[in-house]
Amino acid sequence: MTVTAVPPAPTVPGRTRRALPGGQQAVFLIVIALMLLGALVFLPQLRSSNYLMVQMATYSAVLIMALGQTFVVVQVGFDLSTGAMQGFVGGLVFLMVGWGLADGPVILLALLAAGAIGYGVHGLLIAKAKMNFFIVTLASFTILPSLLRVILDGSSKPVFSPALDWLANGSTIGIRNPIILAAVVFAVLWVVLNRTVFGRNVYAVGSNREAARLAGVRVDRVTMASYAICAVCAGIAGLLLLGSLGAADPSAGLGNEFFALTAVLLGGTRFSGGQGSLAGTVLGLLFLVVLSNILLLGGMPQFWIGAVQGVVLLAAVGIDRARRDG
């Protein structure tokens, strides 16, 4: 039986399709461009196309995590375990490579395992058992690194995978493969969120969970699928991280979840749900990357950069709240 996404004349989902109105997104993009252009005058490193390419490739994994996180936040929630999942996938690949499996099955099984945790653990506990999403994902944030240390016996282990090495470090038509992969993931998820019934349901659930249920939306399934998408994106990011490091590490990925979540919120996706966009998330991450590079190349100690990014996030959320209240 086909489930109708929303009532015949939906109002709330229709108004909340974008995180920022088109004009505001354009202004945000102009601000980023002006920051970058201004920095080009004083920071010669940014004039190097190779440097910019390396930076884009480096942050591609975090962008993919942030894109998946956007689904979860739009439907009201967040996943604290994405960084831990990123490292855990590396441990799974280490095991499967040790078993002698080929690269193709290894990649597929690793992503299936990530999706199963997102759907069958996070989604199930949150949607069916009605446990708080913060508690569930915080538990995974603790459990997954512990399991990873058990798998790796507490130390970094080299992993040789030609496919992952090519994916993380190779190039195609002069463009680094992580950038291409991030673009493909963005395109696929954009279609899912903006051109499918499921995508409309994600916005409907985030806008008003009870109204969406009364309209025929399978709210629990939307929640479970959103956490599965988030986990698979974290798994893809984990494959990129493993390929770039060439080793599975017990601390791999930890901390990246907060960077990705900051990009999502800075891009206009609201914790209250029902409003957000993948384009806004890309802009949010781009702003953070440009800002951190300007500060770092300008001589600011790296330890301070996270504090500046946190202040920027507080300011952005505060301005957004004031605009809504006004």
C-alpha atoms as a PDB file:
ATOM      1  CA  MET A   1       0.000   0.000   0.000  1.00  0.00           C
ATOM      2  CA  THR A   2       1.410   3.385  -0.995  1.00  0.00           C
ATOM      3  CA  VAL A   3       1.574   5.926   1.822  1.00  0.00           C
ATOM      4  CA  THR A   4       0.687   9.506   0.996  1.00  0.00           C
ATOM      5  CA  ALA A   5       3.423  11.883   2.089  1.00  0.00           C
ATOM      6  CA  VAL A   6       1.299  14.753   3.394  1.00  0.00           C
ATOM      7  CA  PRO A   7      -2.308  15.930   3.187  1.00  0.00           C
ATOM      8  CA  PRO A   8      -3.483  17.200  -0.190  1.00  0.00           C
ATOM      9  CA  ALA A   9      -2.829  20.811   0.783  1.00  0.00           C
ATOM     10  CA  PRO A  10       0.217  20.785   3.048  1.00  0.00           C
ATOM     11  CA  THR A  11       1.294  24.125   4.411  1.00  0.00           C
ATOM     12  CA  VAL A  12       4.045  23.642   6.946  1.00  0.00           C
ATOM     13  CA  PRO A  13       6.227  21.270   4.873  1.00  0.00           C
ATOM     14  CA  GLY A  14       5.865  23.514   1.863  1.00  0.00           C
ATOM     15  CA  ARG A  15       7.165  26.514   3.774  1.00  0.00           C
ATOM     16  CA  THR A  16      10.097  24.665   5.271  1.00  0.00           C
ATOM     17  CA  ARG A  17      11.728  23.179   2.241  1.00  0.00           C
ATOM     18  CA  ARG A  18      14.857  25.354   2.508  1.00  0.00           C
ATOM     19  CA  ALA A  19      17.079  26.147   5.466  1.00  0.00           C
ATOM     20  CA  LEU A  20      17.601  29.679   4.271  1.00  0.00           C
ATOM     21  CA  PRO A  21      15.587  31.637   1.720  1.00  0.00           C
ATOM     22  CA  GLY A  22      17.354  31.847  -1.624  1.00  0.00           C
ATOM     23  CA  GLY A  23      18.392  35.460  -1.002  1.00  0.00           C
ATOM     24  CA  GLN A  24      19.944  34.624   2.361  1.00  0.00           C
ATOM     25  CA  GLN A  25      21.817  31.672   0.906  1.00  0.00           C
ATOM     26  CA  ALA A  26      23.147  33.992  -1.789  1.00  0.00           C
ATOM     27  CA  VAL A  27      24.275  36.483   0.867  1.00  0.00           C
ATOM     28  CA  PHE A  28      25.970  33.690   2.825  1.00  0.00           C
ATOM     29  CA  LEU A  29      27.788  32.586  -0.335  1.00  0.00           C
ATOM     30  CA  ILE A  30      28.862  36.165  -1.072  1.00  0.00           C
ATOM     31  CA  VAL A  31      30.246  36.511   2.462  1.00  0.00           C
ATOM     32  CA  ILE A  32      32.287  33.332   2.001  1.00  0.00           C
ATOM     33  CA  ALA A  33      33.549  34.515  -1.383  1.00  0.00           C
ATOM     34  CA  LEU A  34      34.560  37.906   0.048  1.00  0.00           C
ATOM     35  CA  MET A  35      36.390  36.214   2.920  1.00  0.00           C
ATOM     36  CA  LEU A  36      38.263  34.017   0.475  1.00  0.00           C
ATOM     37  CA  LEU A  37      39.055  36.831  -1.958  1.00  0.00           C
ATOM     38  CA  GLY A  38      40.231  39.091   0.844  1.00  0.00           C
ATOM     39  CA  ALA A  39      42.468  36.355   2.210  1.00  0.00           C
ATOM     40  CA  LEU A  40      44.042  35.810  -1.213  1.00  0.00           C
ATOM     41  CA  VAL A  41      45.673  39.233  -0.924  1.00  0.00           C
ATOM     42  CA  PHE A  42      47.449  38.453   2.348  1.00  0.00           C
ATOM     43  CA  LEU A  43      47.806  34.663   2.336  1.00  0.00           C
ATOM     44  CA  PRO A  44      49.754  33.410  -0.697  1.00  0.00           C
ATOM     45  CA  GLN A  45      49.079  29.763   0.219  1.00  0.00           C
ATOM     46  CA  LEU A  46      45.436  30.232  -0.761  1.00  0.00           C
ATOM     47  CA  ARG A  47      46.490  31.222  -4.265  1.00  0.00           C
ATOM     48  CA  SER A  48      47.710  27.698  -4.893  1.00  0.00           C
ATOM     49  CA  SER A  49      45.132  25.590  -6.712  1.00  0.00           C
ATOM     50  CA  ASN A  50      46.840  22.491  -5.336  1.00  0.00           C
ATOM     51  CA  TYR A  51      46.422  23.757  -1.758  1.00  0.00           C
ATOM     52  CA  LEU A  52      42.727  24.435  -2.321  1.00  0.00           C
ATOM     53  CA  MET A  53      42.262  21.014  -3.915  1.00  0.00           C
ATOM     54  CA  VAL A  54      43.934  19.331  -0.941  1.00  0.00           C
ATOM     55  CA  GLN A  55      41.721  21.252   1.494  1.00  0.00           C
ATOM     56  CA  MET A  56      38.566  20.291  -0.385  1.00  0.00           C
ATOM     57  CA  ALA A  57      39.626  16.650  -0.455  1.00  0.00           C
ATOM     58  CA  THR A  58      40.533  16.708   3.241  1.00  0.00           C
ATOM     59  CA  TYR A  59      37.116  17.988   4.313  1.00  0.00           C
ATOM     60  CA  SER A  60      35.115  15.861   1.864  1.00  0.00           C
ATOM     61  CA  ALA A  61      34.657  13.115   4.464  1.00  0.00           C
ATOM     62  CA  VAL A  62      33.316  15.576   7.038  1.00  0.00           C
ATOM     63  CA  LEU A  63      30.986  17.043   4.411  1.00  0.00           C
ATOM     64  CA  ILE A  64      29.546  13.603   3.683  1.00  0.00           C
ATOM     65  CA  MET A  65      28.961  13.098   7.422  1.00  0.00           C
ATOM     66  CA  ALA A  66      27.261  16.496   7.636  1.00  0.00           C
ATOM     67  CA  LEU A  67      24.976  15.705   4.690  1.00  0.00           C
ATOM     68  CA  GLY A  68      23.739  12.566   6.449  1.00  0.00           C
ATOM     69  CA  GLN A  69      23.374  14.448   9.725  1.00  0.00           C
ATOM     70  CA  THR A  70      21.108  16.962   7.969  1.00  0.00           C
ATOM     71  CA  PHE A  71      18.428  14.286   7.472  1.00  0.00           C
ATOM     72  CA  VAL A  72      18.414  13.475  11.178  1.00  0.00           C
ATOM     73  CA  VAL A  73      18.288  17.094  12.327  1.00  0.00           C
ATOM     74  CA  VAL A  74      15.517  18.046   9.875  1.00  0.00           C
ATOM     75  CA  GLN A  75      13.265  15.310  11.289  1.00  0.00           C
ATOM     76  CA  VAL A  76      14.181  16.458  14.837  1.00  0.00           C
ATOM     77  CA  GLY A  77      17.176  14.741  16.363  1.00  0.00           C
ATOM     78  CA  PHE A  78      20.907  14.403  15.951  1.00  0.00           C
ATOM     79  CA  ASP A  79      23.472  11.629  15.952  1.00  0.00           C
ATOM     80  CA  LEU A  80      26.446  12.053  18.280  1.00  0.00           C
ATOM     81  CA  SER A  81      28.025   8.798  17.128  1.00  0.00           C
ATOM     82  CA  THR A  82      28.940   9.691  13.535  1.00  0.00           C
ATOM     83  CA  GLY A  83      32.605  10.315  14.365  1.00  0.00           C
ATOM     84  CA  ALA A  84      32.767   7.083  16.337  1.00  0.00           C
ATOM     85  CA  MET A  85      31.081   5.287  13.429  1.00  0.00           C
ATOM     86  CA  GLN A  86      33.685   6.718  11.083  1.00  0.00           C
ATOM     87  CA  GLY A  87      36.460   5.072  13.071  1.00  0.00           C
ATOM     88  CA  PHE A  88      34.512   1.859  13.743  1.00  0.00           C
ATOM     89  CA  VAL A  89      34.051   1.212  10.025  1.00  0.00           C
ATOM     90  CA  GLY A  90      37.841   1.269   9.731  1.00  0.00           C
ATOM     91  CA  GLY A  91      38.034  -1.501  12.315  1.00  0.00           C
ATOM     92  CA  LEU A  92      35.464  -3.581  10.407  1.00  0.00           C
ATOM     93  CA  VAL A  93      37.466  -3.176   7.203  1.00  0.00           C
ATOM     94  CA  PHE A  94      40.625  -4.244   9.063  1.00  0.00           C
ATOM     95  CA  LEU A  95      38.875  -7.441  10.157  1.00  0.00           C
ATOM     96  CA  MET A  96      37.463  -8.266   6.722  1.00  0.00           C
ATOM     97  CA  VAL A  97      40.707  -7.568   4.897  1.00  0.00           C
ATOM     98  CA  GLY A  98      42.387  -9.903   7.383  1.00  0.00           C
ATOM     99  CA  TRP A  99      39.838 -12.567   6.469  1.00  0.00           C
ATOM    100  CA  GLY A 100      40.950 -12.296   2.859  1.00  0.00           C
ATOM    101  CA  LEU A 101      37.812 -10.665   1.431  1.00  0.00           C
ATOM    102  CA  ALA A 102      38.127  -8.635  -1.768  1.00  0.00           C
ATOM    103  CA  ASP A 103      37.773  -4.863  -1.720  1.00  0.00           C
ATOM    104  CA  GLY A 104      34.287  -4.798  -3.253  1.00  0.00           C
ATOM    105  CA  PRO A 105      32.610  -7.051  -0.671  1.00  0.00           C
ATOM    106  CA  VAL A 106      34.558  -5.343   2.116  1.00  0.00           C
ATOM    107  CA  ILE A 107      33.240  -1.903   1.178  1.00  0.00           C
ATOM    108  CA  LEU A 108      29.692  -3.166   0.704  1.00  0.00           C
ATOM    109  CA  LEU A 109      29.613  -5.108   3.976  1.00  0.00           C
ATOM    110  CA  ALA A 110      31.124  -2.215   5.924  1.00  0.00           C
ATOM    111  CA  LEU A 111      28.435   0.186   4.684  1.00  0.00           C
ATOM    112  CA  LEU A 112      25.704  -2.392   5.298  1.00  0.00           C
ATOM    113  CA  ALA A 113      26.941  -2.798   8.868  1.00  0.00           C
ATOM    114  CA  ALA A 114      26.888   0.978   9.388  1.00  0.00           C
ATOM    115  CA  GLY A 115      23.377   1.202   7.952  1.00  0.00           C
ATOM    116  CA  ALA A 116      22.216  -1.693  10.134  1.00  0.00           C
ATOM    117  CA  ILE A 117      23.449   0.097  13.260  1.00  0.00           C
ATOM    118  CA  GLY A 118      21.754   3.310  12.186  1.00  0.00           C
ATOM    119  CA  TYR A 119      18.456   1.636  11.280  1.00  0.00           C
ATOM    120  CA  GLY A 120      18.282  -1.370  13.590  1.00  0.00           C
ATOM    121  CA  VAL A 121      19.901   0.118  16.700  1.00  0.00           C
ATOM    122  CA  HIS A 122      19.619   3.911  16.715  1.00  0.00           C
ATOM    123  CA  GLY A 123      16.419   4.126  14.701  1.00  0.00           C
ATOM    124  CA  LEU A 124      14.744   1.208  16.438  1.00  0.00           C
ATOM    125  CA  LEU A 125      15.532   2.402  19.963  1.00  0.00           C
ATOM    126  CA  ILE A 126      14.506   5.978  19.187  1.00  0.00           C
ATOM    127  CA  ALA A 127      11.396   5.315  17.078  1.00  0.00           C
ATOM    128  CA  LYS A 128      10.039   2.113  18.593  1.00  0.00           C
ATOM    129  CA  ALA A 129      11.392   2.040  22.143  1.00  0.00           C
ATOM    130  CA  LYS A 130      10.871   5.823  22.422  1.00  0.00           C
ATOM    131  CA  MET A 131      14.312   6.376  23.911  1.00  0.00           C
ATOM    132  CA  ASN A 132      15.801   9.855  23.731  1.00  0.00           C
ATOM    133  CA  PHE A 133      18.010  10.310  20.662  1.00  0.00           C
ATOM    134  CA  PHE A 134      20.668  12.025  22.756  1.00  0.00           C
ATOM    135  CA  ILE A 135      20.980   9.042  25.104  1.00  0.00           C
ATOM    136  CA  VAL A 136      20.973   6.455  22.314  1.00  0.00           C
ATOM    137  CA  THR A 137      23.616   8.122  20.169  1.00  0.00           C
ATOM    138  CA  LEU A 138      25.688   9.114  23.202  1.00  0.00           C
ATOM    139  CA  ALA A 139      25.760   5.433  24.152  1.00  0.00           C
ATOM    140  CA  SER A 140      27.028   4.550  20.677  1.00  0.00           C
ATOM    141  CA  PHE A 141      29.548   7.377  20.969  1.00  0.00           C
ATOM    142  CA  THR A 142      30.949   5.419  23.932  1.00  0.00           C
ATOM    143  CA  ILE A 143      30.386   1.837  22.754  1.00  0.00           C
ATOM    144  CA  LEU A 144      31.749   2.005  19.198  1.00  0.00           C
ATOM    145  CA  PRO A 145      35.230   3.350  20.124  1.00  0.00           C
ATOM    146  CA  SER A 146      35.438   0.709  22.839  1.00  0.00           C
ATOM    147  CA  LEU A 147      34.635  -2.052  20.355  1.00  0.00           C
ATOM    148  CA  LEU A 148      37.155  -0.543  17.946  1.00  0.00           C
ATOM    149  CA  ARG A 149      39.879  -0.740  20.583  1.00  0.00           C
ATOM    150  CA  VAL A 150      38.980  -4.388  21.177  1.00  0.00           C
ATOM    151  CA  ILE A 151      39.181  -5.126  17.443  1.00  0.00           C
ATOM    152  CA  LEU A 152      42.530  -3.341  17.095  1.00  0.00           C
ATOM    153  CA  ASP A 153      43.890  -4.514  20.440  1.00  0.00           C
ATOM    154  CA  GLY A 154      44.337  -0.885  21.435  1.00  0.00           C
ATOM    155  CA  SER A 155      46.805   0.117  18.735  1.00  0.00           C
ATOM    156  CA  SER A 156      46.826   1.366  15.170  1.00  0.00           C
ATOM    157  CA  LYS A 157      46.836  -1.397  12.547  1.00  0.00           C
ATOM    158  CA  PRO A 158      47.892  -0.967   8.901  1.00  0.00           C
ATOM    159  CA  VAL A 159      45.259  -1.796   6.309  1.00  0.00           C
ATOM    160  CA  PHE A 160      46.140  -2.308   2.659  1.00  0.00           C
ATOM    161  CA  SER A 161      43.227  -1.800   0.313  1.00  0.00           C
ATOM    162  CA  PRO A 162      43.973  -0.675  -3.256  1.00  0.00           C
ATOM    163  CA  ALA A 163      40.369   0.409  -3.794  1.00  0.00           C
ATOM    164  CA  LEU A 164      40.251   2.586  -0.672  1.00  0.00           C
ATOM    165  CA  ASP A 165      43.712   3.984  -1.397  1.00  0.00           C
ATOM    166  CA  TRP A 166      42.512   5.004  -4.872  1.00  0.00           C
ATOM    167  CA  LEU A 167      39.242   6.381  -3.485  1.00  0.00           C
ATOM    168  CA  ALA A 168      40.943   8.513  -0.839  1.00  0.00           C
ATOM    169  CA  ASN A 169      44.141   9.537  -2.598  1.00  0.00           C
ATOM    170  CA  GLY A 170      43.556   9.153  -6.319  1.00  0.00           C
ATOM    171  CA  SER A 171      42.297  11.580  -8.938  1.00  0.00           C
ATOM    172  CA  THR A 172      39.915  11.421 -11.878  1.00  0.00           C
ATOM    173  CA  ILE A 173      40.167  13.937 -14.738  1.00  0.00           C
ATOM    174  CA  GLY A 174      42.352  16.076 -12.509  1.00  0.00           C
ATOM    175  CA  ILE A 175      39.919  16.176  -9.567  1.00  0.00           C
ATOM    176  CA  ARG A 176      40.652  14.406  -6.302  1.00  0.00           C
ATOM    177  CA  ASN A 177      38.375  11.402  -5.844  1.00  0.00           C
ATOM    178  CA  PRO A 178      37.064  12.394  -2.378  1.00  0.00           C
ATOM    179  CA  ILE A 179      35.703  15.606  -3.916  1.00  0.00           C
ATOM    180  CA  ILE A 180      33.964  13.648  -6.665  1.00  0.00           C
ATOM    181  CA  LEU A 181      32.544  11.188  -4.135  1.00  0.00           C
ATOM    182  CA  ALA A 182      31.219  14.031  -1.948  1.00  0.00           C
ATOM    183  CA  ALA A 183      29.583  15.600  -5.008  1.00  0.00           C
ATOM    184  CA  VAL A 184      27.936  12.293  -5.933  1.00  0.00           C
ATOM    185  CA  VAL A 185      26.655  11.771  -2.378  1.00  0.00           C
ATOM    186  CA  PHE A 186      25.311  15.332  -2.332  1.00  0.00           C
ATOM    187  CA  ALA A 187      23.514  14.839  -5.657  1.00  0.00           C
ATOM    188  CA  VAL A 188      21.917  11.558  -4.584  1.00  0.00           C
ATOM    189  CA  LEU A 189      20.809  12.865  -1.196  1.00  0.00           C
ATOM    190  CA  TRP A 190      19.536  16.112  -2.714  1.00  0.00           C
ATOM    191  CA  VAL A 191      17.244  14.132  -5.002  1.00  0.00           C
ATOM    192  CA  VAL A 192      16.090  11.983  -2.077  1.00  0.00           C
ATOM    193  CA  LEU A 193      15.348  14.972   0.153  1.00  0.00           C
ATOM    194  CA  ASN A 194      13.814  17.253  -2.464  1.00  0.00           C
ATOM    195  CA  ARG A 195      12.264  15.031  -5.113  1.00  0.00           C
ATOM    196  CA  THR A 196      10.848  11.988  -3.323  1.00  0.00           C
ATOM    197  CA  VAL A 197       7.920  11.174  -1.062  1.00  0.00           C
ATOM    198  CA  PHE A 198      10.367  10.134   1.631  1.00  0.00           C
ATOM    199  CA  GLY A 199      12.044  13.538   1.518  1.00  0.00           C
ATOM    200  CA  ARG A 200       8.717  15.325   1.923  1.00  0.00           C
ATOM    201  CA  ASN A 201       7.960  13.014   4.822  1.00  0.00           C
ATOM    202  CA  VAL A 202      11.213  13.974   6.529  1.00  0.00           C
ATOM    203  CA  TYR A 203      10.165  17.629   6.463  1.00  0.00           C
ATOM    204  CA  ALA A 204       6.620  16.766   7.512  1.00  0.00           C
ATOM    205  CA  VAL A 205       7.809  14.753  10.525  1.00  0.00           C
ATOM    206  CA  GLY A 206      10.177  17.539  11.555  1.00  0.00           C
ATOM    207  CA  SER A 207       7.490  20.199  11.192  1.00  0.00           C
ATOM    208  CA  ASN A 208       4.813  18.417  13.228  1.00  0.00           C
ATOM    209  CA  ARG A 209       5.253  14.782  14.165  1.00  0.00           C
ATOM    210  CA  GLU A 210       1.668  14.188  15.260  1.00  0.00           C
ATOM    211  CA  ALA A 211       0.152  15.962  12.257  1.00  0.00           C
ATOM    212  CA  ALA A 212       2.356  13.899   9.956  1.00  0.00           C
ATOM    213  CA  ARG A 213       1.190  10.699  11.666  1.00  0.00           C
ATOM    214  CA  LEU A 214      -2.464  11.696  11.282  1.00  0.00           C
ATOM    215  CA  ALA A 215      -1.805  12.456   7.613  1.00  0.00           C
ATOM    216  CA  GLY A 216      -0.694   8.861   7.047  1.00  0.00           C
ATOM    217  CA  VAL A 217       3.079   9.249   7.265  1.00  0.00           C
ATOM    218  CA  ARG A 218       4.898   6.248   8.766  1.00  0.00           C
ATOM    219  CA  VAL A 219       6.741   8.430  11.254  1.00  0.00           C
ATOM    220  CA  ASP A 220       8.738   5.612  12.832  1.00  0.00           C
ATOM    221  CA  ARG A 221      10.016   4.414   9.477  1.00  0.00           C
ATOM    222  CA  VAL A 222      11.024   7.939   8.473  1.00  0.00           C
ATOM    223  CA  THR A 223      13.003   8.289  11.700  1.00  0.00           C
ATOM    224  CA  MET A 224      14.677   4.899  11.315  1.00  0.00           C
ATOM    225  CA  ALA A 225      15.555   5.535   7.671  1.00  0.00           C
ATOM    226  CA  SER A 226      16.992   8.964   8.514  1.00  0.00           C
ATOM    227  CA  TYR A 227      19.333   7.468  11.102  1.00  0.00           C
ATOM    228  CA  ALA A 228      20.309   4.765   8.601  1.00  0.00           C
ATOM    229  CA  ILE A 229      21.207   7.402   5.997  1.00  0.00           C
ATOM    230  CA  CYS A 230      23.232   9.280   8.595  1.00  0.00           C
ATOM    231  CA  ALA A 231      25.098   6.119   9.602  1.00  0.00           C
ATOM    232  CA  VAL A 232      25.845   5.100   6.010  1.00  0.00           C
ATOM    233  CA  CYS A 233      27.230   8.578   5.308  1.00  0.00           C
ATOM    234  CA  ALA A 234      29.437   8.232   8.386  1.00  0.00           C
ATOM    235  CA  GLY A 235      30.515   4.839   7.019  1.00  0.00           C
ATOM    236  CA  ILE A 236      31.490   6.369   3.676  1.00  0.00           C
ATOM    237  CA  ALA A 237      33.450   9.027   5.558  1.00  0.00           C
ATOM    238  CA  GLY A 238      35.125   6.218   7.501  1.00  0.00           C
ATOM    239  CA  LEU A 239      36.228   4.519   4.297  1.00  0.00           C
ATOM    240  CA  LEU A 240      37.761   7.776   3.080  1.00  0.00           C
ATOM    241  CA  LEU A 241      39.535   8.304   6.404  1.00  0.00           C
ATOM    242  CA  LEU A 242      40.875   4.749   6.396  1.00  0.00           C
ATOM    243  CA  GLY A 243      42.113   5.106   2.836  1.00  0.00           C
ATOM    244  CA  SER A 244      43.894   8.389   3.582  1.00  0.00           C
ATOM    245  CA  LEU A 245      45.532   7.073   6.770  1.00  0.00           C
ATOM    246  CA  GLY A 246      46.327   3.619   5.430  1.00  0.00           C
ATOM    247  CA  ALA A 247      45.570   2.268   8.878  1.00  0.00           C
ATOM    248  CA  ALA A 248      42.723   1.671  11.311  1.00  0.00           C
ATOM    249  CA  ASP A 249      43.255   3.745  14.438  1.00  0.00           C
ATOM    250  CA  PRO A 250      41.465   3.531  17.825  1.00  0.00           C
ATOM    251  CA  SER A 251      40.929   7.304  17.926  1.00  0.00           C
ATOM    252  CA  ALA A 252      40.020   7.777  14.267  1.00  0.00           C
ATOM    253  CA  GLY A 253      37.040  10.015  13.600  1.00  0.00           C
ATOM    254  CA  LEU A 254      36.443  11.153  17.172  1.00  0.00           C
ATOM    255  CA  GLY A 255      35.563  14.839  17.235  1.00  0.00           C
ATOM    256  CA  ASN A 256      34.499  15.016  13.601  1.00  0.00           C
ATOM    257  CA  GLU A 257      30.850  14.613  14.601  1.00  0.00           C
ATOM    258  CA  PHE A 258      30.871  18.017  16.271  1.00  0.00           C
ATOM    259  CA  PHE A 259      32.492  19.711  13.271  1.00  0.00           C
ATOM    260  CA  ALA A 260      29.872  18.161  10.987  1.00  0.00           C
ATOM    261  CA  LEU A 261      26.985  19.097  13.292  1.00  0.00           C
ATOM    262  CA  THR A 262      28.304  22.663  13.509  1.00  0.00           C
ATOM    263  CA  ALA A 263      28.240  22.878   9.709  1.00  0.00           C
ATOM    264  CA  VAL A 264      24.643  21.623   9.649  1.00  0.00           C
ATOM    265  CA  LEU A 265      23.424  24.182  12.191  1.00  0.00           C
ATOM    266  CA  LEU A 266      25.480  27.013  10.744  1.00  0.00           C
ATOM    267  CA  GLY A 267      23.910  26.244   7.366  1.00  0.00           C
ATOM    268  CA  GLY A 268      20.460  27.031   8.747  1.00  0.00           C
ATOM    269  CA  THR A 269      19.081  23.614   9.683  1.00  0.00           C
ATOM    270  CA  ARG A 270      17.219  24.000  12.959  1.00  0.00           C
ATOM    271  CA  PHE A 271      17.217  21.721  15.972  1.00  0.00           C
ATOM    272  CA  SER A 272      13.475  22.279  16.181  1.00  0.00           C
ATOM    273  CA  GLY A 273      13.142  20.384  12.888  1.00  0.00           C
ATOM    274  CA  GLY A 274      11.197  20.832   9.692  1.00  0.00           C
ATOM    275  CA  GLN A 275      13.614  23.298   8.161  1.00  0.00           C
ATOM    276  CA  GLY A 276      16.964  22.723   6.543  1.00  0.00           C
ATOM    277  CA  SER A 277      18.720  21.995   3.279  1.00  0.00           C
ATOM    278  CA  LEU A 278      21.759  20.156   2.017  1.00  0.00           C
ATOM    279  CA  ALA A 279      22.917  23.279   0.178  1.00  0.00           C
ATOM    280  CA  GLY A 280      22.865  25.155   3.467  1.00  0.00           C
ATOM    281  CA  THR A 281      24.998  22.426   5.040  1.00  0.00           C
ATOM    282  CA  VAL A 282      27.553  22.740   2.236  1.00  0.00           C
ATOM    283  CA  LEU A 283      27.681  26.505   2.779  1.00  0.00           C
ATOM    284  CA  GLY A 284      28.056  25.999   6.522  1.00  0.00           C
ATOM    285  CA  LEU A 285      31.017  23.671   6.086  1.00  0.00           C
ATOM    286  CA  LEU A 286      32.568  25.904   3.428  1.00  0.00           C
ATOM    287  CA  PHE A 287      32.371  28.861   5.807  1.00  0.00           C
ATOM    288  CA  LEU A 288      34.056  26.876   8.596  1.00  0.00           C
ATOM    289  CA  VAL A 289      36.816  25.635   6.293  1.00  0.00           C
ATOM    290  CA  VAL A 290      37.549  29.089   4.882  1.00  0.00           C
ATOM    291  CA  LEU A 291      37.482  30.640   8.344  1.00  0.00           C
ATOM    292  CA  SER A 292      39.779  28.012   9.895  1.00  0.00           C
ATOM    293  CA  ASN A 293      42.264  28.285   7.017  1.00  0.00           C
ATOM    294  CA  ILE A 294      42.362  32.077   7.266  1.00  0.00           C
ATOM    295  CA  LEU A 295      42.943  31.920  11.014  1.00  0.00           C
ATOM    296  CA  LEU A 296      45.539  29.155  10.801  1.00  0.00           C
ATOM    297  CA  LEU A 297      47.498  30.644   7.919  1.00  0.00           C
ATOM    298  CA  GLY A 298      47.196  34.057   9.539  1.00  0.00           C
ATOM    299  CA  GLY A 299      49.147  32.794  12.531  1.00  0.00           C
ATOM    300  CA  MET A 300      46.456  31.971  15.074  1.00  0.00           C
ATOM    301  CA  PRO A 301      47.386  28.954  17.231  1.00  0.00           C
ATOM    302  CA  GLN A 302      45.384  25.906  16.179  1.00  0.00           C
ATOM    303  CA  PHE A 303      44.085  25.432  19.722  1.00  0.00           C
ATOM    304  CA  TRP A 304      42.038  28.639  19.425  1.00  0.00           C
ATOM    305  CA  ILE A 305      40.353  27.834  16.129  1.00  0.00           C
ATOM    306  CA  GLY A 306      37.730  25.546  17.657  1.00  0.00           C
ATOM    307  CA  ALA A 307      36.807  28.260  20.148  1.00  0.00           C
ATOM    308  CA  VAL A 308      36.305  30.783  17.341  1.00  0.00           C
ATOM    309  CA  GLN A 309      34.139  28.321  15.416  1.00  0.00           C
ATOM    310  CA  GLY A 310      32.030  27.750  18.528  1.00  0.00           C
ATOM    311  CA  VAL A 311      31.495  31.480  18.964  1.00  0.00           C
ATOM    312  CA  VAL A 312      30.491  31.761  15.296  1.00  0.00           C
ATOM    313  CA  LEU A 313      27.952  28.958  15.780  1.00  0.00           C
ATOM    314  CA  LEU A 314      26.464  30.632  18.861  1.00  0.00           C
ATOM    315  CA  ALA A 315      26.214  33.928  16.998  1.00  0.00           C
ATOM    316  CA  ALA A 316      24.567  32.314  13.959  1.00  0.00           C
ATOM    317  CA  VAL A 317      22.015  30.406  16.030  1.00  0.00           C
ATOM    318  CA  GLY A 318      21.332  33.502  18.147  1.00  0.00           C
ATOM    319  CA  ILE A 319      20.722  35.655  15.085  1.00  0.00           C
ATOM    320  CA  ASP A 320      18.426  33.026  13.614  1.00  0.00           C
ATOM    321  CA  ARG A 321      16.477  32.794  16.881  1.00  0.00           C
ATOM    322  CA  ALA A 322      16.148  36.565  17.088  1.00  0.00           C
ATOM    323  CA  ARG A 323      14.917  36.700  13.482  1.00  0.00           C
ATOM    324  CA  ARG A 324      12.234  34.084  14.189  1.00  0.00           C
ATOM    325  CA  ASP A 325      11.134  35.707  17.454  1.00  0.00           C
ATOM    326  CA  GLY A 326      11.034  39.079  15.785  1.00  0.00           C
END
